[in-house]
PDB file of N, CA and C in Angstrom:
ATOM      1  N   MET A   1       8.180  15.651 -20.306  1.00  0.00           N
ATOM      2  CA  MET A   1       8.511  14.333 -20.071  1.00  0.00           C
ATOM      3  C   MET A   1       8.499  14.035 -21.764  1.00  0.00           C
ATOM      4  N   SER A   2       9.290  12.942 -22.415  1.00  0.00           N
ATOM      5  CA  SER A   2       9.321  12.559 -23.149  1.00  0.00           C
ATOM      6  C   SER A   2       8.682  11.451 -23.412  1.00  0.00           C
ATOM      7  N   GLU A   3       8.300  11.058 -24.830  1.00  0.00           N
ATOM      8  CA  GLU A   3       7.444  10.006 -25.254  1.00  0.00           C
ATOM      9  C   GLU A   3       8.386   8.930 -24.617  1.00  0.00           C
ATOM     10  N   LYS A   4       9.491   8.337 -24.880  1.00  0.00           N
ATOM     11  CA  LYS A   4      10.052   6.918 -24.203  1.00  0.00           C
ATOM     12  C   LYS A   4       9.836   7.030 -22.778  1.00  0.00           C
ATOM     13  N   THR A   5      10.164   8.549 -21.817  1.00  0.00           N
ATOM     14  CA  THR A   5       9.872   8.231 -20.528  1.00  0.00           C
ATOM     15  C   THR A   5       8.869   7.763 -19.911  1.00  0.00           C
ATOM     16  N   THR A   6       7.539   8.009 -20.677  1.00  0.00           N
ATOM     17  CA  THR A   6       6.324   7.790 -20.662  1.00  0.00           C
ATOM     18  C   THR A   6       5.853   6.600 -20.722  1.00  0.00           C
ATOM     19  N   ALA A   7       6.609   6.171 -21.943  1.00  0.00           N
ATOM     20  CA  ALA A   7       6.273   4.683 -22.604  1.00  0.00           C
ATOM     21  C   ALA A   7       7.159   3.979 -21.107  1.00  0.00           C
ATOM     22  N   GLY A   8       8.014   4.134 -20.678  1.00  0.00           N
ATOM     23  CA  GLY A   8       8.951   3.721 -19.709  1.00  0.00           C
ATOM     24  C   GLY A   8       7.935   3.507 -18.468  1.00  0.00           C
ATOM     25  N   LYS A   9       7.214   4.479 -17.796  1.00  0.00           N
ATOM     26  CA  LYS A   9       6.684   4.712 -16.942  1.00  0.00           C
ATOM     27  C   LYS A   9       5.129   3.494 -17.169  1.00  0.00           C
ATOM     28  N   ASP A  10       4.525   3.361 -18.605  1.00  0.00           N
ATOM     29  CA  ASP A  10       3.556   2.860 -19.022  1.00  0.00           C
ATOM     30  C   ASP A  10       3.613   1.531 -18.418  1.00  0.00           C
ATOM     31  N   LYS A  11       5.134   1.055 -19.170  1.00  0.00           N
ATOM     32  CA  LYS A  11       5.435  -0.411 -19.069  1.00  0.00           C
ATOM     33  C   LYS A  11       5.903  -0.745 -17.972  1.00  0.00           C
ATOM     34  N   GLU A  12       6.521  -0.189 -17.020  1.00  0.00           N
ATOM     35  CA  GLU A  12       6.488  -0.397 -15.610  1.00  0.00           C
ATOM     36  C   GLU A  12       5.163  -0.260 -14.820  1.00  0.00           C
ATOM     37  N   ALA A  13       4.144   0.020 -15.035  1.00  0.00           N
ATOM     38  CA  ALA A  13       3.086   0.134 -14.534  1.00  0.00           C
ATOM     39  C   ALA A  13       2.304  -1.001 -14.944  1.00  0.00           C
ATOM     40  N   ASN A  14       2.127  -2.045 -16.078  1.00  0.00           N
ATOM     41  CA  ASN A  14       1.782  -3.083 -16.369  1.00  0.00           C
ATOM     42  C   ASN A  14       2.502  -3.866 -15.919  1.00  0.00           C
ATOM     43  N   LYS A  15       3.553  -4.064 -15.026  1.00  0.00           N
ATOM     44  CA  LYS A  15       4.310  -5.029 -14.971  1.00  0.00           C
ATOM     45  C   LYS A  15       3.840  -5.728 -13.855  1.00  0.00           C
ATOM     46  N   GLN A  16       3.379  -4.723 -12.841  1.00  0.00           N
ATOM     47  CA  GLN A  16       3.086  -5.451 -11.834  1.00  0.00           C
ATOM     48  C   GLN A  16       1.535  -5.327 -11.325  1.00  0.00           C
ATOM     49  N   PRO A  17       0.302  -5.484 -12.183  1.00  0.00           N
ATOM     50  CA  PRO A  17      -0.723  -5.389 -11.977  1.00  0.00           C
ATOM     51  C   PRO A  17      -1.592  -5.558 -10.777  1.00  0.00           C
ATOM     52  N   ASN A  18      -0.797  -6.964 -10.147  1.00  0.00           N
ATOM     53  CA  ASN A  18      -1.633  -7.456  -9.157  1.00  0.00           C
ATOM     54  C   ASN A  18      -1.370  -6.941  -7.691  1.00  0.00           C
ATOM     55  N   ASN A  19       0.458  -6.463  -7.808  1.00  0.00           N
ATOM     56  CA  ASN A  19       0.457  -5.864  -6.881  1.00  0.00           C
ATOM     57  C   ASN A  19       0.217  -4.965  -5.977  1.00  0.00           C
ATOM     58  N   LEU A  20      -0.596  -5.005  -4.863  1.00  0.00           N
ATOM     59  CA  LEU A  20      -1.357  -4.107  -3.962  1.00  0.00           C
ATOM     60  C   LEU A  20      -0.440  -3.235  -3.548  1.00  0.00           C
ATOM     61  N   LEU A  21       1.137  -3.172  -3.461  1.00  0.00           N
ATOM     62  CA  LEU A  21       1.709  -2.361  -2.496  1.00  0.00           C
ATOM     63  C   LEU A  21       2.531  -1.587  -3.885  1.00  0.00           C
ATOM     64  N   HIS A  22       2.058  -1.812  -5.644  1.00  0.00           N
ATOM     65  CA  HIS A  22       2.861  -0.949  -5.978  1.00  0.00           C
ATOM     66  C   HIS A  22       2.434   0.461  -5.807  1.00  0.00           C
ATOM     67  N   GLY A  23       3.368   1.753  -5.767  1.00  0.00           N
ATOM     68  CA  GLY A  23       3.214   2.940  -5.991  1.00  0.00           C
ATOM     69  C   GLY A  23       2.915   3.141  -4.615  1.00  0.00           C
ATOM     70  N   VAL A  24       2.829   2.533  -3.333  1.00  0.00           N
ATOM     71  CA  VAL A  24       3.019   2.899  -1.919  1.00  0.00           C
ATOM     72  C   VAL A  24       4.533   2.827  -1.921  1.00  0.00           C
ATOM     73  N   THR A  25       5.021   3.840  -0.590  1.00  0.00           N
ATOM     74  CA  THR A  25       6.347   4.272  -0.367  1.00  0.00           C
ATOM     75  C   THR A  25       6.399   3.272   0.859  1.00  0.00           C
ATOM     76  N   LEU A  26       7.171   3.372   1.654  1.00  0.00           N
ATOM     77  CA  LEU A  26       7.470   2.636   2.585  1.00  0.00           C
ATOM     78  C   LEU A  26       7.291   3.740   3.529  1.00  0.00           C
ATOM     79  N   GLU A  27       7.614   4.899   3.283  1.00  0.00           N
ATOM     80  CA  GLU A  27       7.302   5.651   4.383  1.00  0.00           C
ATOM     81  C   GLU A  27       5.918   5.993   4.756  1.00  0.00           C
ATOM     82  N   LYS A  28       4.868   5.818   3.592  1.00  0.00           N
ATOM     83  CA  LYS A  28       3.656   6.034   3.583  1.00  0.00           C
ATOM     84  C   LYS A  28       3.201   4.529   4.465  1.00  0.00           C
ATOM     85  N   ILE A  29       3.629   3.548   3.939  1.00  0.00           N
ATOM     86  CA  ILE A  29       3.051   2.335   5.326  1.00  0.00           C
ATOM     87  C   ILE A  29       3.526   2.655   6.325  1.00  0.00           C
ATOM     88  N   LEU A  30       4.462   2.900   6.417  1.00  0.00           N
ATOM     89  CA  LEU A  30       5.099   2.960   8.493  1.00  0.00           C
ATOM     90  C   LEU A  30       3.917   4.214   8.680  1.00  0.00           C
ATOM     91  N   THR A  31       3.847   5.212   7.852  1.00  0.00           N
ATOM     92  CA  THR A  31       2.895   5.910   8.374  1.00  0.00           C
ATOM     93  C   THR A  31       1.504   6.088   8.900  1.00  0.00           C
ATOM     94  N   VAL A  32       1.222   5.152   8.023  1.00  0.00           N
ATOM     95  CA  VAL A  32      -0.361   4.663   8.135  1.00  0.00           C
ATOM     96  C   VAL A  32      -0.114   3.607   9.194  1.00  0.00           C
ATOM     97  N   LEU A  33       0.371   2.829   9.225  1.00  0.00           N
ATOM     98  CA  LEU A  33       0.409   2.011  10.365  1.00  0.00           C
ATOM     99  C   LEU A  33       0.572   2.670  11.998  1.00  0.00           C
ATOM    100  N   ARG A  34       1.866   3.498  11.894  1.00  0.00           N
ATOM    101  CA  ARG A  34       1.956   4.277  13.196  1.00  0.00           C
ATOM    102  C   ARG A  34       0.509   5.129  13.254  1.00  0.00           C
ATOM    103  N   GLU A  35      -0.199   5.704  12.433  1.00  0.00           N
ATOM    104  CA  GLU A  35      -1.416   6.078  12.578  1.00  0.00           C
ATOM    105  C   GLU A  35      -2.270   5.459  13.706  1.00  0.00           C
ATOM    106  N   HIS A  36      -2.233   4.255  12.934  1.00  0.00           N
ATOM    107  CA  HIS A  36      -3.344   3.226  13.329  1.00  0.00           C
ATOM    108  C   HIS A  36      -2.951   2.496  14.675  1.00  0.00           C
ATOM    109  N   TYR A  37      -1.587   2.223  15.174  1.00  0.00           N
ATOM    110  CA  TYR A  37      -1.091   1.550  16.115  1.00  0.00           C
ATOM    111  C   TYR A  37      -0.128   2.593  16.921  1.00  0.00           C
ATOM    112  N   SER A  38       0.038   2.202  17.915  1.00  0.00           N
ATOM    113  CA  SER A  38       0.987   2.685  18.443  1.00  0.00           C
ATOM    114  C   SER A  38       2.341   2.081  18.542  1.00  0.00           C
ATOM    115  N   TRP A  39       3.638   2.491  18.535  1.00  0.00           N
ATOM    116  CA  TRP A  39       5.104   2.068  18.384  1.00  0.00           C
ATOM    117  C   TRP A  39       4.779   0.649  19.548  1.00  0.00           C
ATOM    118  N   LYS A  40       4.542   0.893  20.294  1.00  0.00           N
ATOM    119  CA  LYS A  40       4.299  -0.731  21.535  1.00  0.00           C
ATOM    120  C   LYS A  40       3.357  -1.386  21.000  1.00  0.00           C
ATOM    121  N   ASP A  41       2.642  -1.113  19.889  1.00  0.00           N
ATOM    122  CA  ASP A  41       1.483  -2.302  19.296  1.00  0.00           C
ATOM    123  C   ASP A  41       2.310  -2.628  17.885  1.00  0.00           C
ATOM    124  N   LEU A  42       2.636  -1.776  17.232  1.00  0.00           N
ATOM    125  CA  LEU A  42       3.463  -2.407  16.287  1.00  0.00           C
ATOM    126  C   LEU A  42       4.733  -3.417  16.755  1.00  0.00           C
ATOM    127  N   ASN A  43       5.052  -2.992  17.681  1.00  0.00           N
ATOM    128  CA  ASN A  43       6.665  -4.180  18.080  1.00  0.00           C
ATOM    129  C   ASN A  43       6.288  -5.158  18.736  1.00  0.00           C
ATOM    130  N   ARG A  44       4.354  -4.947  19.224  1.00  0.00           N
ATOM    131  CA  ARG A  44       4.036  -6.463  19.771  1.00  0.00           C
ATOM    132  C   ARG A  44       3.395  -7.191  18.112  1.00  0.00           C
ATOM    133  N   LYS A  45       2.800  -6.828  17.482  1.00  0.00           N
ATOM    134  CA  LYS A  45       2.365  -7.161  16.028  1.00  0.00           C
ATOM    135  C   LYS A  45       3.606  -7.964  14.849  1.00  0.00           C
ATOM    136  N   VAL A  46       4.824  -7.092  15.431  1.00  0.00           N
ATOM    137  CA  VAL A  46       5.740  -7.314  14.082  1.00  0.00           C
ATOM    138  C   VAL A  46       7.152  -7.627  15.027  1.00  0.00           C
ATOM    139  N   GLU A  47       7.308  -7.208  16.533  1.00  0.00           N
ATOM    140  CA  GLU A  47       8.186  -7.565  17.034  1.00  0.00           C
ATOM    141  C   GLU A  47       9.630  -7.436  16.104  1.00  0.00           C
ATOM    142  N   LEU A  48       9.775  -6.144  15.976  1.00  0.00           N
ATOM    143  CA  LEU A  48      11.196  -5.212  15.637  1.00  0.00           C
ATOM    144  C   LEU A  48      11.467  -4.340  16.560  1.00  0.00           C
ATOM    145  N   ASN A  49      13.041  -4.300  17.122  1.00  0.00           N
ATOM    146  CA  ASN A  49      13.881  -3.591  17.643  1.00  0.00           C
ATOM    147  C   ASN A  49      13.314  -2.521  17.125  1.00  0.00           C
ATOM    148  N   CYS A  50      13.522  -1.809  16.172  1.00  0.00           N
ATOM    149  CA  CYS A  50      13.064  -0.212  15.629  1.00  0.00           C
ATOM    150  C   CYS A  50      11.576   0.476  16.098  1.00  0.00           C
ATOM    151  N   PHE A  51      10.811  -0.615  16.480  1.00  0.00           N
ATOM    152  CA  PHE A  51       9.829  -0.198  16.554  1.00  0.00           C
ATOM    153  C   PHE A  51       9.732   0.075  18.012  1.00  0.00           C
ATOM    154  N   PHE A  52      10.703  -0.662  18.832  1.00  0.00           N
ATOM    155  CA  PHE A  52      10.691  -0.623  20.569  1.00  0.00           C
ATOM    156  C   PHE A  52      12.090   0.095  21.026  1.00  0.00           C
ATOM    157  N   SER A  53      13.029   0.185  20.605  1.00  0.00           N
ATOM    158  CA  SER A  53      13.943   1.678  21.226  1.00  0.00           C
ATOM    159  C   SER A  53      13.883   2.433  20.284  1.00  0.00           C
ATOM    160  N   HIS A  54      13.521   3.982  21.081  1.00  0.00           N
ATOM    161  CA  HIS A  54      13.729   4.880  20.256  1.00  0.00           C
ATOM    162  C   HIS A  54      13.362   5.374  19.008  1.00  0.00           C
ATOM    163  N   PRO A  55      11.839   4.701  18.848  1.00  0.00           N
ATOM    164  CA  PRO A  55      11.007   4.151  17.884  1.00  0.00           C
ATOM    165  C   PRO A  55      11.020   6.061  17.156  1.00  0.00           C
ATOM    166  N   SER A  56      11.183   5.677  15.637  1.00  0.00           N
ATOM    167  CA  SER A  56      10.490   6.935  14.787  1.00  0.00           C
ATOM    168  C   SER A  56      10.417   6.330  13.165  1.00  0.00           C
ATOM    169  N   ILE A  57      10.097   7.156  12.774  1.00  0.00           N
ATOM    170  CA  ILE A  57      10.164   7.038  10.871  1.00  0.00           C
ATOM    171  C   ILE A  57      11.276   6.986  10.594  1.00  0.00           C
ATOM    172  N   LYS A  58      12.177   7.833  10.844  1.00  0.00           N
ATOM    173  CA  LYS A  58      13.577   7.843   9.810  1.00  0.00           C
ATOM    174  C   LYS A  58      14.312   6.533  10.229  1.00  0.00           C
ATOM    175  N   SER A  59      14.214   6.414  11.513  1.00  0.00           N
ATOM    176  CA  SER A  59      14.983   4.712  12.135  1.00  0.00           C
ATOM    177  C   SER A  59      14.140   3.882  11.461  1.00  0.00           C
ATOM    178  N   SER A  60      13.432   3.853  11.791  1.00  0.00           N
ATOM    179  CA  SER A  60      12.387   2.499  11.034  1.00  0.00           C
ATOM    180  C   SER A  60      12.711   2.189   9.452  1.00  0.00           C
ATOM    181  N   LEU A  61      12.976   3.508   8.801  1.00  0.00           N
ATOM    182  CA  LEU A  61      12.837   3.398   7.262  1.00  0.00           C
ATOM    183  C   LEU A  61      14.473   2.854   6.909  1.00  0.00           C
ATOM    184  N   ILE A  62      15.237   3.346   8.041  1.00  0.00           N
ATOM    185  CA  ILE A  62      16.767   2.812   7.424  1.00  0.00           C
ATOM    186  C   ILE A  62      17.071   1.202   7.983  1.00  0.00           C
ATOM    187  N   PHE A  63      16.438   0.976   9.013  1.00  0.00           N
ATOM    188  CA  PHE A  63      16.249  -0.631   9.262  1.00  0.00           C
ATOM    189  C   PHE A  63      15.203  -1.306   8.366  1.00  0.00           C
ATOM    190  N   LEU A  64      14.522  -0.783   7.882  1.00  0.00           N
ATOM    191  CA  LEU A  64      13.464  -1.689   6.716  1.00  0.00           C
ATOM    192  C   LEU A  64      14.014  -1.728   5.588  1.00  0.00           C
ATOM    193  N   ARG A  65      15.031  -0.727   5.229  1.00  0.00           N
ATOM    194  CA  ARG A  65      15.571  -0.638   4.042  1.00  0.00           C
ATOM    195  C   ARG A  65      16.755  -1.607   3.512  1.00  0.00           C
ATOM    196  N   LYS A  66      17.437  -1.666   4.767  1.00  0.00           N
ATOM    197  CA  LYS A  66      18.527  -2.941   4.901  1.00  0.00           C
ATOM    198  C   LYS A  66      18.062  -3.968   5.493  1.00  0.00           C
ATOM    199  N   HIS A  67      17.172  -4.339   5.473  1.00  0.00           N
ATOM    200  CA  HIS A  67      17.003  -5.791   6.178  1.00  0.00           C
ATOM    201  C   HIS A  67      14.881  -6.564   5.332  1.00  0.00           C
ATOM    202  N   GLU A  68      15.209  -6.778   4.070  1.00  0.00           N
ATOM    203  CA  GLU A  68      14.407  -7.573   3.040  1.00  0.00           C
ATOM    204  C   GLU A  68      13.027  -7.937   4.431  1.00  0.00           C
ATOM    205  N   TRP A  69      13.789  -9.031   5.046  1.00  0.00           N
ATOM    206  CA  TRP A  69      12.982  -9.792   6.184  1.00  0.00           C
ATOM    207  C   TRP A  69      12.094  -8.791   6.734  1.00  0.00           C
ATOM    208  N   ALA A  70      12.495  -7.834   7.563  1.00  0.00           N
ATOM    209  CA  ALA A  70      11.922  -7.335   8.500  1.00  0.00           C
ATOM    210  C   ALA A  70      10.936  -6.153   7.456  1.00  0.00           C
ATOM    211  N   ARG A  71      11.282  -5.826   6.180  1.00  0.00           N
ATOM    212  CA  ARG A  71      10.321  -5.272   5.525  1.00  0.00           C
ATOM    213  C   ARG A  71       9.109  -5.908   4.831  1.00  0.00           C
ATOM    214  N   LYS A  72       8.889  -7.488   4.696  1.00  0.00           N
ATOM    215  CA  LYS A  72       8.158  -7.775   4.123  1.00  0.00           C
ATOM    216  C   LYS A  72       6.743  -8.135   5.266  1.00  0.00           C
ATOM    217  N   LYS A  73       7.833  -8.377   6.724  1.00  0.00           N
ATOM    218  CA  LYS A  73       6.608  -8.561   7.748  1.00  0.00           C
ATOM    219  C   LYS A  73       5.766  -6.897   7.545  1.00  0.00           C
ATOM    220  N   VAL A  74       6.480  -5.869   7.678  1.00  0.00           N
ATOM    221  CA  VAL A  74       5.758  -4.897   7.704  1.00  0.00           C
ATOM    222  C   VAL A  74       4.769  -4.759   6.782  1.00  0.00           C
ATOM    223  N   GLU A  75       5.253  -4.668   5.601  1.00  0.00           N
ATOM    224  CA  GLU A  75       4.632  -5.096   4.296  1.00  0.00           C
ATOM    225  C   GLU A  75       3.262  -5.490   4.402  1.00  0.00           C
ATOM    226  N   ASN A  76       3.128  -6.978   4.816  1.00  0.00           N
ATOM    227  CA  ASN A  76       2.269  -7.600   5.107  1.00  0.00           C
ATOM    228  C   ASN A  76       1.192  -7.341   6.337  1.00  0.00           C
ATOM    229  N   LEU A  77       1.552  -6.884   7.296  1.00  0.00           N
ATOM    230  CA  LEU A  77       0.942  -5.873   8.461  1.00  0.00           C
ATOM    231  C   LEU A  77      -0.139  -4.939   8.330  1.00  0.00           C
ATOM    232  N   TYR A  78       0.556  -3.887   7.101  1.00  0.00           N
ATOM    233  CA  TYR A  78       0.170  -2.835   6.090  1.00  0.00           C
ATOM    234  C   TYR A  78      -1.328  -3.660   5.296  1.00  0.00           C
ATOM    235  N   LEU A  79      -0.650  -4.413   4.429  1.00  0.00           N
ATOM    236  CA  LEU A  79      -1.570  -5.502   4.025  1.00  0.00           C
ATOM    237  C   LEU A  79      -3.005  -5.751   4.651  1.00  0.00           C
ATOM    238  N   GLU A  80      -2.516  -6.391   5.410  1.00  0.00           N
ATOM    239  CA  GLU A  80      -3.533  -6.964   6.691  1.00  0.00           C
ATOM    240  C   GLU A  80      -4.733  -5.739   6.969  1.00  0.00           C
ATOM    241  N   LEU A  81      -4.088  -4.712   7.473  1.00  0.00           N
ATOM    242  CA  LEU A  81      -5.134  -3.435   7.863  1.00  0.00           C
ATOM    243  C   LEU A  81      -5.656  -3.165   6.735  1.00  0.00           C
ATOM    244  N   MET A  82      -5.208  -2.770   5.384  1.00  0.00           N
ATOM    245  CA  MET A  82      -6.094  -2.764   4.844  1.00  0.00           C
ATOM    246  C   MET A  82      -7.414  -3.074   3.883  1.00  0.00           C
ATOM    247  N   ALA A  83      -6.767  -4.820   4.373  1.00  0.00           N
ATOM    248  CA  ALA A  83      -7.671  -5.492   3.744  1.00  0.00           C
ATOM    249  C   ALA A  83      -9.211  -5.610   5.286  1.00  0.00           C
ATOM    250  N   ALA A  84      -8.848  -5.189   6.221  1.00  0.00           N
ATOM    251  CA  ALA A  84      -9.562  -5.308   7.217  1.00  0.00           C
ATOM    252  C   ALA A  84     -10.143  -4.204   7.446  1.00  0.00           C
ATOM    253  N   GLN A  85      -9.838  -2.935   6.797  1.00  0.00           N
ATOM    254  CA  GLN A  85     -10.457  -2.014   6.746  1.00  0.00           C
ATOM    255  C   GLN A  85     -11.746  -2.038   5.196  1.00  0.00           C
ATOM    256  N   ASN A  86     -11.299  -2.500   4.752  1.00  0.00           N
ATOM    257  CA  ASN A  86     -12.245  -2.582   3.315  1.00  0.00           C
ATOM    258  C   ASN A  86     -13.300  -3.515   3.717  1.00  0.00           C
ATOM    259  N   ASP A  87     -13.028  -4.329   4.682  1.00  0.00           N
ATOM    260  CA  ASP A  87     -13.843  -5.442   5.230  1.00  0.00           C
ATOM    261  C   ASP A  87     -14.896  -4.532   5.727  1.00  0.00           C
ATOM    262  N   GLN A  88     -14.549  -3.205   6.178  1.00  0.00           N
ATOM    263  CA  GLN A  88     -15.605  -2.756   7.433  1.00  0.00           C
ATOM    264  C   GLN A  88     -16.658  -2.010   6.861  1.00  0.00           C
ATOM    265  N   LEU A  89     -15.888  -1.581   5.242  1.00  0.00           N
ATOM    266  CA  LEU A  89     -16.631  -0.337   4.286  1.00  0.00           C
ATOM    267  C   LEU A  89     -18.078  -1.352   4.376  1.00  0.00           C
ATOM    268  N   PRO A  90     -19.090  -0.296   4.133  1.00  0.00           N
ATOM    269  CA  PRO A  90     -20.540  -0.385   3.693  1.00  0.00           C
ATOM    270  C   PRO A  90     -20.841  -0.860   2.064  1.00  0.00           C
ATOM    271  N   GLU A  91     -21.713  -1.911   2.077  1.00  0.00           N
ATOM    272  CA  GLU A  91     -21.729  -2.109   0.171  1.00  0.00           C
ATOM    273  C   GLU A  91     -22.886  -1.492   0.158  1.00  0.00           C
TER     274      GLU A  91
END
Protein backbone atom coordinates (compact mmCIF):
# COMPACT_ATOMS: atom_id res chain seq x y z
CA MET A 1 0.00 0.00 0.00
CA SER A 2 1.41 3.42 -0.86
CA GLU A 3 1.99 6.14 1.70
CA LYS A 4 -0.70 8.24 0.03
CA THR A 5 -3.28 5.43 0.38
CA THR A 6 -2.33 4.78 4.00
CA ALA A 7 -2.51 8.48 4.84
CA GLY A 8 -5.94 8.69 3.20
CA LYS A 9 -7.26 5.80 5.29
CA ASP A 10 -5.89 7.36 8.50
CA LYS A 11 -7.53 10.67 7.60
CA GLU A 12 -10.84 8.90 6.86
CA ALA A 13 -10.75 7.06 10.20
CA ASN A 14 -10.21 10.35 12.02
CA LYS A 15 -13.24 11.95 10.36
CA GLN A 16 -15.70 9.80 12.31
CA PRO A 17 -14.19 9.05 15.73
CA ASN A 18 -17.61 9.07 17.47
CA ASN A 19 -19.54 7.18 14.80
CA LEU A 20 -20.35 3.81 16.35
CA LEU A 21 -21.24 2.37 12.94
CA HIS A 22 -17.93 3.35 11.32
CA GLY A 23 -16.40 0.23 9.79
CA VAL A 24 -19.52 -1.91 10.32
CA THR A 25 -21.06 -3.06 7.05
CA LEU A 26 -24.79 -3.15 6.46
CA GLU A 27 -24.49 -6.88 5.84
CA LYS A 28 -22.84 -7.34 9.26
CA ILE A 29 -25.61 -5.30 10.90
CA LEU A 30 -28.30 -7.43 9.25
CA THR A 31 -26.51 -10.65 10.15
CA VAL A 32 -26.21 -9.68 13.82
CA LEU A 33 -29.85 -8.60 13.98
CA ARG A 34 -31.00 -11.76 12.21
CA GLU A 35 -29.03 -13.95 14.61
CA HIS A 36 -30.57 -12.16 17.58
CA TYR A 37 -34.13 -11.77 16.29
CA SER A 38 -36.23 -13.85 13.92
CA TRP A 39 -37.38 -12.26 10.65
CA LYS A 40 -40.84 -12.01 12.22
CA ASP A 41 -39.48 -10.16 15.26
CA LEU A 42 -37.39 -7.87 13.05
CA ASN A 43 -40.52 -6.97 11.11
CA ARG A 44 -42.36 -6.25 14.37
CA LYS A 45 -39.59 -3.96 15.57
CA VAL A 46 -38.90 -2.09 12.32
CA GLU A 47 -41.96 -2.89 10.17
CA LEU A 48 -40.27 -3.26 6.78
CA ASN A 49 -41.72 -5.45 4.07
CA CYS A 50 -38.25 -6.83 3.28
CA PHE A 51 -38.41 -8.54 6.71
CA PHE A 52 -41.92 -9.87 6.10
CA SER A 53 -42.32 -10.97 2.49
CA HIS A 54 -39.78 -13.66 1.54
CA PRO A 55 -37.06 -12.23 3.82
CA SER A 56 -33.38 -12.81 3.12
CA ILE A 57 -30.16 -10.97 3.79
CA LYS A 58 -29.70 -10.35 0.06
CA SER A 59 -33.15 -8.87 -0.57
CA SER A 60 -32.95 -6.80 2.61
CA LEU A 61 -29.57 -5.39 1.58
CA ILE A 62 -30.96 -4.35 -1.80
CA PHE A 63 -33.93 -2.60 -0.18
CA LEU A 64 -31.93 -0.91 2.57
CA ARG A 65 -29.30 0.39 0.16
CA LYS A 66 -32.04 2.05 -1.89
CA HIS A 67 -33.94 3.58 1.03
CA GLU A 68 -31.95 5.61 3.53
CA TRP A 69 -34.92 6.08 5.88
CA ALA A 70 -35.24 2.30 6.25
CA ARG A 71 -31.49 1.83 6.67
CA LYS A 72 -31.52 4.40 9.50
CA LYS A 73 -34.23 2.42 11.31
CA VAL A 74 -32.19 -0.78 11.03
CA GLU A 75 -28.98 0.96 12.12
CA ASN A 76 -30.77 2.41 15.15
CA LEU A 77 -32.09 -1.02 16.13
CA TYR A 78 -28.54 -2.40 15.82
CA LEU A 79 -27.19 0.38 18.06
CA GLU A 80 -29.93 -0.29 20.63
CA LEU A 81 -29.05 -3.99 20.63
CA MET A 82 -25.33 -3.27 21.05
CA ALA A 83 -26.04 -0.85 23.90
CA ALA A 84 -28.30 -3.39 25.64
CA GLN A 85 -25.67 -6.11 25.29
CA ASN A 86 -22.98 -3.80 26.70
CA ASP A 87 -25.21 -2.96 29.67
CA GLN A 88 -25.48 -6.67 30.48
CA LEU A 89 -21.71 -7.20 30.66
CA PRO A 90 -20.36 -7.68 34.19
CA GLU A 91 -18.04 -4.92 35.39
